[in-house]
């Protein structure tokens, strides 16, 4: 699912509190503060440690075949 920034904010405001993990990057601290204000538990992950958590269509296709 792809969301614009505005749609993402609206979604996270109405979503029940949860743990959110995101790659630490230039704007990650801004997003972390915003999501924390909504009541979410945010964790930033060092970029070199993110790869095992990333899932995309290519990964899923390779695992199925």
Protein backbone atom coordinates (compact mmCIF):
# COMPACT_ATOMS: atom_id res chain seq x y z
CA UNK A 1 0.00 0.00 0.00
CA UNK A 2 1.41 3.39 -0.96
CA UNK A 3 0.33 6.49 0.94
CA UNK A 4 1.19 10.14 0.55
CA UNK A 5 2.60 11.91 3.60
CA UNK A 6 -0.79 13.45 4.32
CA UNK A 7 -2.55 10.08 3.99
CA UNK A 8 0.09 8.41 6.18
CA UNK A 9 -0.42 10.97 8.95
CA UNK A 10 -4.20 10.55 8.81
CA UNK A 11 -3.81 6.76 8.88
CA UNK A 12 -1.45 6.80 11.87
CA UNK A 13 -3.66 9.24 13.79
CA UNK A 14 -6.60 6.84 13.60
CA UNK A 15 -4.60 3.59 13.91
CA UNK A 16 -4.53 2.00 17.39
CA UNK A 17 -1.30 2.50 19.30
CA UNK A 18 1.44 0.17 18.10
CA UNK A 19 5.19 -0.24 17.83
CA UNK A 20 6.63 1.39 14.71
CA UNK A 21 10.14 0.56 13.48
CA UNK A 22 11.80 2.68 10.84
CA UNK A 23 15.20 3.19 9.32
CA UNK A 24 17.11 6.05 10.91
CA UNK A 25 17.56 8.64 8.15
CA UNK A 26 17.48 12.40 7.71
CA UNK A 27 13.75 12.80 8.45
CA UNK A 28 13.28 9.81 10.74
CA UNK A 29 13.55 11.88 13.92
CA UNK A 30 10.78 14.20 12.71
CA UNK A 31 8.52 11.23 11.94
CA UNK A 32 9.42 9.57 15.25
CA UNK A 33 8.42 12.68 17.21
CA UNK A 34 5.20 13.02 15.23
CA UNK A 35 4.21 9.38 15.68
CA UNK A 36 5.16 9.47 19.37
CA UNK A 37 2.80 12.43 19.78
CA UNK A 38 0.04 10.17 18.39
CA UNK A 39 0.83 7.63 21.14
CA UNK A 40 2.86 5.13 19.10
CA UNK A 41 6.04 3.46 20.37
CA UNK A 42 8.70 4.33 17.77
CA UNK A 43 12.06 2.60 17.35
CA UNK A 44 14.72 3.79 14.92
CA UNK A 45 16.96 1.13 13.40
CA UNK A 46 20.53 1.70 12.21
CA UNK A 47 20.46 1.61 8.36
CA UNK A 48 22.92 -1.25 8.01
CA UNK A 49 20.71 -3.44 10.23
CA UNK A 50 17.44 -2.77 8.36
CA UNK A 51 17.84 -5.20 5.44
CA UNK A 52 16.63 -8.36 7.29
CA UNK A 53 13.33 -6.60 8.08
CA UNK A 54 12.59 -5.36 4.55
CA UNK A 55 10.02 -7.30 2.55
CA UNK A 56 9.06 -6.50 -1.01
CA UNK A 57 7.48 -8.25 -3.95
CA UNK A 58 10.82 -9.56 -5.24
CA UNK A 59 11.62 -11.21 -1.90
CA UNK A 60 8.20 -12.84 -1.74
CA UNK A 61 8.45 -14.19 -5.31
CA UNK A 62 11.88 -15.68 -4.62
CA UNK A 63 10.66 -17.42 -1.46
CA UNK A 64 7.66 -18.95 -3.21
CA UNK A 65 9.63 -20.43 -6.10
